[in-house]
């Protein structure tokens, strides 16, 4: 057998895992959780939703007010200051619904509500 063949590392075994999982294992980390097809955690999805929306809108989000898993990834509700006013309580805010795929990439968003910062939700019923 030629020396190059003897010295070469053996080819990695295929285990049936997806490429992302194999890559994480090779990097020394544990494979990402695969809950319902989602590859990212809720915390990472929150950060990603806020940062990708900021890039699209050109405004820094105030907060992520909600996040929930979907069949295809994540849905987040992100609060953004649309019009800054003095006093701050009169600033115009907006809620955006942000959809992320299983990899945490933004695939869609829409503004669902506009309100003043001082506005309080009324109880339903």
N, C-alpha and C. Protein backbone atom coordinates (compact mmCIF):
# COMPACT_ATOMS: atom_id res chain seq x y z
N UNK A 1 0.86 -1.17 0.00
CA UNK A 1 0.00 0.00 0.00
C UNK A 1 0.90 1.23 0.00
N UNK A 2 0.60 2.24 -0.84
CA UNK A 2 1.44 3.45 -0.87
C UNK A 2 1.39 4.16 0.48
N UNK A 3 2.50 4.82 0.79
CA UNK A 3 2.63 5.50 2.08
C UNK A 3 1.52 6.54 2.28
N UNK A 4 1.17 7.32 1.21
CA UNK A 4 0.13 8.34 1.34
C UNK A 4 -1.19 7.72 1.80
N UNK A 5 -1.53 6.56 1.30
CA UNK A 5 -2.78 5.90 1.66
C UNK A 5 -2.74 5.45 3.12
N UNK A 6 -1.57 4.97 3.60
CA UNK A 6 -1.46 4.52 4.98
C UNK A 6 -1.54 5.69 5.95
N UNK A 7 -0.93 6.83 5.59
CA UNK A 7 -0.86 7.98 6.48
C UNK A 7 -2.12 8.85 6.46
N UNK A 8 -2.92 8.68 5.45
CA UNK A 8 -4.13 9.51 5.34
C UNK A 8 -5.11 9.15 6.44
N UNK A 9 -5.85 10.17 6.91
CA UNK A 9 -6.88 9.92 7.91
C UNK A 9 -8.04 9.20 7.24
N UNK A 10 -8.69 8.32 7.98
CA UNK A 10 -9.83 7.63 7.38
C UNK A 10 -10.96 8.63 7.11
N UNK A 11 -11.74 8.33 6.10
CA UNK A 11 -12.88 9.19 5.75
C UNK A 11 -13.89 9.13 6.89
N UNK A 12 -14.54 10.26 7.18
CA UNK A 12 -15.53 10.24 8.26
C UNK A 12 -16.68 9.33 7.92
N UNK A 13 -17.18 8.65 8.97
CA UNK A 13 -18.32 7.75 8.78
C UNK A 13 -19.58 8.57 8.67
N UNK A 14 -20.48 8.14 7.83
CA UNK A 14 -21.77 8.81 7.72
C UNK A 14 -22.71 8.16 8.72
N UNK A 15 -23.37 9.00 9.49
CA UNK A 15 -24.23 8.47 10.54
C UNK A 15 -25.70 8.74 10.26
N UNK A 16 -25.99 9.36 9.14
CA UNK A 16 -27.37 9.68 8.84
C UNK A 16 -27.80 11.01 9.41
N UNK A 17 -26.89 11.68 10.15
CA UNK A 17 -27.22 13.01 10.67
C UNK A 17 -27.09 14.02 9.55
N UNK A 18 -27.79 15.13 9.71
CA UNK A 18 -27.71 16.20 8.73
C UNK A 18 -26.35 16.87 8.82
N UNK A 19 -25.97 17.58 7.77
CA UNK A 19 -24.65 18.20 7.69
C UNK A 19 -24.41 19.15 8.85
N UNK A 20 -25.39 19.93 9.26
CA UNK A 20 -25.22 20.88 10.36
C UNK A 20 -24.85 20.17 11.65
N UNK A 21 -25.46 19.02 11.90
CA UNK A 21 -25.16 18.26 13.11
C UNK A 21 -23.75 17.72 13.06
N UNK A 22 -23.35 17.22 11.91
CA UNK A 22 -22.00 16.66 11.77
C UNK A 22 -20.97 17.77 11.95
N UNK A 23 -21.25 18.95 11.39
CA UNK A 23 -20.33 20.07 11.51
C UNK A 23 -20.17 20.47 12.98
N UNK A 24 -21.27 20.52 13.72
CA UNK A 24 -21.20 20.90 15.14
C UNK A 24 -20.38 19.87 15.91
N UNK A 25 -20.55 18.60 15.61
CA UNK A 25 -19.81 17.55 16.31
C UNK A 25 -18.33 17.66 15.98
N UNK A 26 -17.98 17.97 14.70
CA UNK A 26 -16.58 18.10 14.32
C UNK A 26 -15.93 19.28 15.02
N UNK A 27 -16.71 20.36 15.26
CA UNK A 27 -16.16 21.54 15.92
C UNK A 27 -16.01 21.35 17.42
N UNK A 28 -16.39 20.19 17.93
CA UNK A 28 -16.24 19.93 19.35
C UNK A 28 -17.49 20.26 20.14
N UNK A 29 -18.48 20.86 19.50
CA UNK A 29 -19.72 21.20 20.18
C UNK A 29 -20.71 20.07 20.05
N UNK A 30 -21.76 20.15 20.81
CA UNK A 30 -22.79 19.13 20.68
C UNK A 30 -23.70 19.49 19.52
N UNK A 31 -24.33 18.50 18.90
CA UNK A 31 -25.21 18.80 17.79
C UNK A 31 -26.37 19.68 18.25
N UNK A 32 -26.88 20.54 17.35
CA UNK A 32 -27.98 21.41 17.75
C UNK A 32 -29.22 20.60 18.05
N UNK A 33 -30.04 21.13 18.93
CA UNK A 33 -31.30 20.45 19.25
C UNK A 33 -32.20 20.43 18.03
N UNK A 34 -32.89 19.35 17.82
CA UNK A 34 -33.76 19.20 16.65
C UNK A 34 -35.19 19.01 17.13
N UNK A 35 -35.77 20.04 17.70
CA UNK A 35 -37.13 19.97 18.19
C UNK A 35 -38.05 20.50 17.12
N UNK A 36 -38.86 19.65 16.53
CA UNK A 36 -39.81 20.10 15.53
C UNK A 36 -39.16 20.73 14.32
N UNK A 37 -37.93 20.36 13.97
CA UNK A 37 -37.26 20.89 12.81
C UNK A 37 -36.51 22.19 13.08
N UNK A 38 -36.55 22.73 14.30
CA UNK A 38 -35.85 23.97 14.62
C UNK A 38 -34.41 23.66 15.00
N UNK A 39 -33.48 24.42 14.41
CA UNK A 39 -32.07 24.22 14.69
C UNK A 39 -31.52 25.22 15.69
N UNK A 40 -32.27 26.27 15.99
CA UNK A 40 -31.78 27.31 16.89
C UNK A 40 -32.66 27.38 18.14
N UNK A 41 -32.07 27.84 19.22
CA UNK A 41 -32.80 27.96 20.48
C UNK A 41 -33.71 29.20 20.44
N UNK A 42 -34.62 29.28 21.40
CA UNK A 42 -35.51 30.44 21.49
C UNK A 42 -34.70 31.71 21.73
N UNK A 43 -33.69 31.64 22.58
CA UNK A 43 -32.88 32.82 22.87
C UNK A 43 -32.16 33.31 21.62
N UNK A 44 -31.58 32.40 20.86
CA UNK A 44 -30.89 32.79 19.63
C UNK A 44 -31.90 33.32 18.61
N UNK A 45 -33.07 32.71 18.55
CA UNK A 45 -34.11 33.19 17.62
C UNK A 45 -34.52 34.61 17.98
N UNK A 46 -34.64 34.92 19.28
CA UNK A 46 -34.99 36.27 19.72
C UNK A 46 -33.94 37.28 19.26
N UNK A 47 -32.69 36.96 19.50
CA UNK A 47 -31.61 37.88 19.09
C UNK A 47 -31.57 38.05 17.58
N UNK A 48 -31.75 36.96 16.86
CA UNK A 48 -31.71 37.00 15.40
C UNK A 48 -32.87 37.81 14.85
N UNK A 49 -34.07 37.60 15.39
CA UNK A 49 -35.25 38.34 14.92
C UNK A 49 -35.02 39.84 15.09
N UNK A 50 -34.53 40.25 16.24
CA UNK A 50 -34.29 41.67 16.50
C UNK A 50 -33.22 42.24 15.59
N UNK A 51 -32.10 41.54 15.44
CA UNK A 51 -31.00 42.09 14.64
C UNK A 51 -31.33 42.12 13.15
N UNK A 52 -32.00 41.09 12.64
CA UNK A 52 -32.34 41.09 11.21
C UNK A 52 -33.42 42.11 10.89
N UNK A 53 -34.39 42.30 11.80
CA UNK A 53 -35.40 43.32 11.59
C UNK A 53 -34.76 44.71 11.62
N UNK A 54 -33.83 44.93 12.54
CA UNK A 54 -33.12 46.22 12.62
C UNK A 54 -32.41 46.52 11.31
N UNK A 55 -31.81 45.51 10.73
CA UNK A 55 -31.11 45.70 9.45
C UNK A 55 -32.08 46.12 8.35
N UNK A 56 -33.26 45.54 8.33
CA UNK A 56 -34.25 45.86 7.30
C UNK A 56 -34.91 47.22 7.51
N UNK A 57 -35.23 47.55 8.76
CA UNK A 57 -35.95 48.79 9.06
C UNK A 57 -35.04 50.00 9.25
N UNK A 58 -33.79 49.75 9.62
CA UNK A 58 -32.89 50.86 9.92
C UNK A 58 -33.18 51.47 11.29
N UNK A 59 -33.88 50.74 12.16
CA UNK A 59 -34.19 51.19 13.52
C UNK A 59 -33.84 50.06 14.48
N UNK A 60 -33.36 50.43 15.65
CA UNK A 60 -33.01 49.42 16.66
C UNK A 60 -34.26 49.03 17.44
N UNK A 61 -34.60 47.75 17.48
CA UNK A 61 -35.76 47.30 18.26
C UNK A 61 -35.58 47.58 19.75
N UNK A 62 -36.68 47.90 20.40
CA UNK A 62 -36.70 48.11 21.85
C UNK A 62 -36.66 46.79 22.59
N UNK A 63 -37.47 45.82 22.12
CA UNK A 63 -37.55 44.54 22.82
C UNK A 63 -38.20 43.50 21.93
N UNK A 64 -38.06 42.26 22.37
CA UNK A 64 -38.82 41.15 21.78
C UNK A 64 -39.87 40.81 22.82
N UNK A 65 -41.13 41.05 22.50
CA UNK A 65 -42.19 40.87 23.49
C UNK A 65 -42.78 39.47 23.48
N UNK A 66 -42.44 38.68 22.50
CA UNK A 66 -42.93 37.31 22.47
C UNK A 66 -42.21 36.48 21.43
N UNK A 67 -42.14 35.20 21.70
CA UNK A 67 -41.56 34.26 20.73
C UNK A 67 -42.23 32.92 20.92
N UNK A 68 -42.50 32.25 19.80
CA UNK A 68 -43.12 30.92 19.90
C UNK A 68 -42.63 30.06 18.74
N UNK A 69 -42.55 28.77 18.97
CA UNK A 69 -42.14 27.87 17.89
C UNK A 69 -43.27 27.69 16.89
N UNK A 70 -42.90 27.49 15.65
CA UNK A 70 -43.86 27.16 14.59
C UNK A 70 -43.41 25.85 13.95
N UNK A 71 -44.20 25.35 13.04
CA UNK A 71 -43.83 24.11 12.35
C UNK A 71 -42.54 24.28 11.54
N UNK A 72 -42.29 25.53 11.07
CA UNK A 72 -41.15 25.78 10.18
C UNK A 72 -40.00 26.52 10.83
N UNK A 73 -40.12 26.91 12.12
CA UNK A 73 -39.06 27.66 12.77
C UNK A 73 -39.58 28.41 13.98
N UNK A 74 -39.60 29.76 13.90
CA UNK A 74 -40.00 30.60 15.02
C UNK A 74 -40.81 31.78 14.54
N UNK A 75 -41.68 32.29 15.42
CA UNK A 75 -42.39 33.55 15.19
C UNK A 75 -42.13 34.43 16.40
N UNK A 76 -41.68 35.65 16.15
CA UNK A 76 -41.37 36.59 17.23
C UNK A 76 -42.18 37.86 17.06
N UNK A 77 -42.49 38.51 18.18
CA UNK A 77 -43.11 39.83 18.19
C UNK A 77 -42.04 40.80 18.66
N UNK A 78 -41.72 41.77 17.83
CA UNK A 78 -40.63 42.71 18.11
C UNK A 78 -41.19 44.13 18.18
N UNK A 79 -40.81 44.85 19.24
CA UNK A 79 -41.28 46.23 19.45
C UNK A 79 -40.20 47.21 18.98
N UNK A 80 -40.62 48.20 18.19
CA UNK A 80 -39.70 49.17 17.59
C UNK A 80 -40.25 50.58 17.79
N UNK A 81 -39.36 51.54 18.09
CA UNK A 81 -39.75 52.95 18.12
C UNK A 81 -39.78 53.44 16.68
N UNK A 82 -40.96 53.84 16.21
CA UNK A 82 -41.08 54.32 14.83
C UNK A 82 -40.88 55.83 14.74
N UNK A 83 -41.40 56.58 15.72
CA UNK A 83 -41.25 58.04 15.74
C UNK A 83 -40.89 58.45 17.16
N UNK A 84 -39.70 59.01 17.34
CA UNK A 84 -39.28 59.47 18.67
C UNK A 84 -39.87 60.85 18.92
N UNK A 85 -40.46 61.01 20.10
CA UNK A 85 -41.04 62.29 20.49
C UNK A 85 -40.63 62.62 21.91
N UNK A 86 -40.79 63.90 22.25
CA UNK A 86 -40.56 64.35 23.62
C UNK A 86 -41.90 64.82 24.15
N UNK A 87 -42.34 64.32 25.28
CA UNK A 87 -41.69 63.33 26.14
C UNK A 87 -41.73 61.93 25.50
N UNK A 88 -40.86 61.05 25.99
CA UNK A 88 -40.77 59.69 25.45
C UNK A 88 -42.09 58.95 25.46
N UNK A 89 -42.94 59.24 26.43
CA UNK A 89 -44.22 58.54 26.54
C UNK A 89 -45.12 58.79 25.33
N UNK A 90 -44.82 59.82 24.54
CA UNK A 90 -45.63 60.09 23.35
C UNK A 90 -44.99 59.53 22.08
N UNK A 91 -43.85 58.86 22.18
CA UNK A 91 -43.21 58.25 21.01
C UNK A 91 -44.13 57.19 20.41
N UNK A 92 -44.08 57.07 19.09
CA UNK A 92 -44.91 56.09 18.39
C UNK A 92 -44.13 54.78 18.28
N UNK A 93 -44.74 53.72 18.78
CA UNK A 93 -44.15 52.38 18.78
C UNK A 93 -44.86 51.52 17.74
N UNK A 94 -44.21 50.44 17.35
CA UNK A 94 -44.84 49.48 16.45
C UNK A 94 -44.46 48.07 16.87
N UNK A 95 -45.40 47.16 16.71
CA UNK A 95 -45.15 45.73 16.92
C UNK A 95 -45.01 45.08 15.56
N UNK A 96 -43.98 44.29 15.40
CA UNK A 96 -43.75 43.56 14.16
C UNK A 96 -43.78 42.06 14.44
N UNK A 97 -44.48 41.32 13.61
CA UNK A 97 -44.44 39.85 13.65
C UNK A 97 -43.32 39.44 12.70
N UNK A 98 -42.35 38.71 13.23
CA UNK A 98 -41.18 38.30 12.46
C UNK A 98 -41.18 36.78 12.37
N UNK A 99 -41.06 36.26 11.16
CA UNK A 99 -41.02 34.81 10.94
C UNK A 99 -39.60 34.38 10.60
N UNK A 100 -39.11 33.38 11.32
CA UNK A 100 -37.78 32.83 11.09
C UNK A 100 -37.90 31.38 10.66
N UNK A 101 -37.01 30.94 9.77
CA UNK A 101 -37.01 29.53 9.39
C UNK A 101 -36.27 28.71 10.43
N UNK A 102 -36.12 27.42 10.19
CA UNK A 102 -35.49 26.51 11.15
C UNK A 102 -34.03 26.88 11.43
N UNK A 103 -33.37 27.55 10.47
CA UNK A 103 -31.98 27.97 10.64
C UNK A 103 -31.85 29.32 11.32
N UNK A 104 -33.00 29.96 11.65
CA UNK A 104 -32.97 31.26 12.30
C UNK A 104 -32.89 32.43 11.35
N UNK A 105 -33.11 32.19 10.05
CA UNK A 105 -33.06 33.27 9.07
C UNK A 105 -34.44 33.88 8.89
N UNK A 106 -34.50 35.20 8.82
CA UNK A 106 -35.75 35.90 8.64
C UNK A 106 -36.33 35.58 7.26
N UNK A 107 -37.58 35.15 7.25
CA UNK A 107 -38.24 34.83 5.98
C UNK A 107 -39.44 35.74 5.73
N UNK A 108 -39.84 36.51 6.74
CA UNK A 108 -40.94 37.45 6.55
C UNK A 108 -41.20 38.26 7.80
N UNK A 109 -41.81 39.43 7.59
CA UNK A 109 -42.21 40.25 8.73
C UNK A 109 -43.37 41.13 8.30
N UNK A 110 -44.15 41.57 9.29
CA UNK A 110 -45.23 42.52 9.03
C UNK A 110 -45.50 43.33 10.29
N UNK A 111 -45.87 44.59 10.09
CA UNK A 111 -46.25 45.43 11.23
C UNK A 111 -47.67 45.06 11.60
N UNK A 112 -47.89 44.75 12.86
CA UNK A 112 -49.21 44.31 13.32
C UNK A 112 -49.93 45.36 14.15
N UNK A 113 -49.19 46.36 14.67
CA UNK A 113 -49.82 47.32 15.56
C UNK A 113 -48.95 48.57 15.69
N UNK A 114 -49.60 49.75 15.78
CA UNK A 114 -48.91 51.00 16.11
C UNK A 114 -49.60 51.59 17.33
N UNK A 115 -48.81 52.17 18.23
CA UNK A 115 -49.36 52.71 19.47
C UNK A 115 -48.37 53.68 20.08
N UNK A 116 -48.83 54.50 21.02
CA UNK A 116 -47.91 55.39 21.73
C UNK A 116 -47.29 54.60 22.88
N UNK A 117 -46.09 54.99 23.25
CA UNK A 117 -45.36 54.27 24.31
C UNK A 117 -46.16 54.22 25.61
N UNK A 118 -46.93 55.27 25.91
CA UNK A 118 -47.69 55.33 27.16
C UNK A 118 -48.96 54.48 27.12
N UNK A 119 -49.34 53.99 25.95
CA UNK A 119 -50.58 53.22 25.83
C UNK A 119 -50.47 51.88 26.56
N UNK A 120 -51.54 51.55 27.26
CA UNK A 120 -51.59 50.29 27.99
C UNK A 120 -52.69 49.42 27.38
N UNK A 121 -52.40 48.14 27.19
CA UNK A 121 -53.41 47.23 26.66
C UNK A 121 -54.57 47.14 27.64
N UNK A 122 -55.77 47.17 27.09
CA UNK A 122 -56.96 47.02 27.94
C UNK A 122 -57.28 45.54 28.06
N UNK A 123 -57.77 45.12 29.22
CA UNK A 123 -58.15 43.71 29.38
C UNK A 123 -59.28 43.36 28.43
N UNK A 124 -59.20 42.16 27.90
CA UNK A 124 -60.26 41.67 26.99
C UNK A 124 -61.41 41.13 27.81
N UNK A 125 -62.63 41.31 27.26
CA UNK A 125 -63.74 40.66 27.92
C UNK A 125 -64.81 41.54 28.20
